[in-house]
Amino acid sequence: MFDRHDLTDAESDQLRPLLPADPGRGGRWADHRAVINGVFWRTRTSSPWRDVPPEYGN
């Protein structure tokens, strides 16, 4: 699912305290790690947002 450019477990663990917690109720909430990896993918490939693969929360 993830490739060599994605966050490692250690990097994800360091970022986790800086990100908001999942809301108990409300709208759709994607996994932070997947979304961050999607931003990395999009930046690396210069693709439009609509082309971000579904495994990155699209």
C-alpha atoms as a PDB file:
ATOM      1  CA  MET A   1       0.000   0.000   0.000  1.00  0.00           C
ATOM      2  CA  PHE A   2       2.669   2.513   0.941  1.00  0.00           C
ATOM      3  CA  ASP A   3       5.944   3.146  -0.787  1.00  0.00           C
ATOM      4  CA  ARG A   4       9.423   4.245   0.181  1.00  0.00           C
ATOM      5  CA  HIS A   5       8.490   7.935   0.169  1.00  0.00           C
ATOM      6  CA  ASP A   6       5.770   7.585   2.800  1.00  0.00           C
ATOM      7  CA  LEU A   7       6.065   8.261   6.503  1.00  0.00           C
ATOM      8  CA  THR A   8       7.799   5.585   8.524  1.00  0.00           C
ATOM      9  CA  ASP A   9       6.258   4.295  11.744  1.00  0.00           C
ATOM     10  CA  ALA A  10       8.719   6.393  13.761  1.00  0.00           C
ATOM     11  CA  GLU A  11       7.896   9.563  11.816  1.00  0.00           C
ATOM     12  CA  SER A  12       4.191   8.920  12.173  1.00  0.00           C
ATOM     13  CA  ASP A  13       4.588   8.427  15.930  1.00  0.00           C
ATOM     14  CA  GLN A  14       6.380  11.779  16.206  1.00  0.00           C
ATOM     15  CA  LEU A  15       3.638  13.620  14.319  1.00  0.00           C
ATOM     16  CA  ARG A  16       0.663  11.983  16.051  1.00  0.00           C
ATOM     17  CA  PRO A  17       0.643  14.288  19.136  1.00  0.00           C
ATOM     18  CA  LEU A  18       0.621  17.351  16.867  1.00  0.00           C
ATOM     19  CA  LEU A  19      -2.497  16.325  14.940  1.00  0.00           C
ATOM     20  CA  PRO A  20      -6.118  16.624  16.084  1.00  0.00           C
ATOM     21  CA  ALA A  21      -7.787  13.582  17.597  1.00  0.00           C
ATOM     22  CA  ASP A  22     -10.567  11.827  15.718  1.00  0.00           C
ATOM     23  CA  PRO A  23     -13.938  13.381  16.486  1.00  0.00           C
ATOM     24  CA  GLY A  24     -16.476  11.095  18.104  1.00  0.00           C
ATOM     25  CA  ARG A  25     -19.177  12.121  15.664  1.00  0.00           C
ATOM     26  CA  GLY A  26     -19.517  14.192  12.580  1.00  0.00           C
ATOM     27  CA  GLY A  27     -18.244  14.130   9.053  1.00  0.00           C
ATOM     28  CA  ARG A  28     -15.852  11.869   7.278  1.00  0.00           C
ATOM     29  CA  TRP A  29     -12.473  11.578   8.960  1.00  0.00           C
ATOM     30  CA  ALA A  30      -9.481  10.124   7.121  1.00  0.00           C
ATOM     31  CA  ASP A  31      -6.387   8.617   8.683  1.00  0.00           C
ATOM     32  CA  HIS A  32      -3.841  11.417   9.174  1.00  0.00           C
ATOM     33  CA  ARG A  33      -0.923   9.282   8.061  1.00  0.00           C
ATOM     34  CA  ALA A  34      -2.626   8.349   4.800  1.00  0.00           C
ATOM     35  CA  VAL A  35      -3.542  11.974   4.094  1.00  0.00           C
ATOM     36  CA  ILE A  36       0.002  13.218   4.782  1.00  0.00           C
ATOM     37  CA  ASN A  37       1.384  10.497   2.530  1.00  0.00           C
ATOM     38  CA  GLY A  38      -1.116  11.605  -0.121  1.00  0.00           C
ATOM     39  CA  VAL A  39       0.167  15.170   0.120  1.00  0.00           C
ATOM     40  CA  PHE A  40       3.711  13.849  -0.286  1.00  0.00           C
ATOM     41  CA  TRP A  41       2.632  11.785  -3.313  1.00  0.00           C
ATOM     42  CA  ARG A  42       0.847  14.722  -4.913  1.00  0.00           C
ATOM     43  CA  THR A  43       3.803  17.055  -4.338  1.00  0.00           C
ATOM     44  CA  ARG A  44       6.295  14.500  -5.629  1.00  0.00           C
ATOM     45  CA  THR A  45       4.318  13.712  -8.799  1.00  0.00           C
ATOM     46  CA  SER A  46       2.871  17.192  -9.479  1.00  0.00           C
ATOM     47  CA  SER A  47      -0.427  15.481 -10.242  1.00  0.00           C
ATOM     48  CA  PRO A  48      -3.794  17.150  -9.710  1.00  0.00           C
ATOM     49  CA  TRP A  49      -5.598  16.376  -6.453  1.00  0.00           C
ATOM     50  CA  ARG A  50      -8.223  14.331  -8.292  1.00  0.00           C
ATOM     51  CA  ASP A  51      -5.492  11.857  -9.317  1.00  0.00           C
ATOM     52  CA  VAL A  52      -4.316  11.083  -5.779  1.00  0.00           C
ATOM     53  CA  PRO A  53      -4.751   7.303  -5.309  1.00  0.00           C
ATOM     54  CA  PRO A  54      -7.588   6.158  -3.026  1.00  0.00           C
ATOM     55  CA  GLU A  55      -5.194   4.555  -0.530  1.00  0.00           C
ATOM     56  CA  TYR A  56      -4.134   8.073   0.437  1.00  0.00           C
ATOM     57  CA  GLY A  57      -7.593   9.073   1.595  1.00  0.00           C
ATOM     58  CA  ASN A  58      -8.997  10.411  -1.653  1.00  0.00           C
END
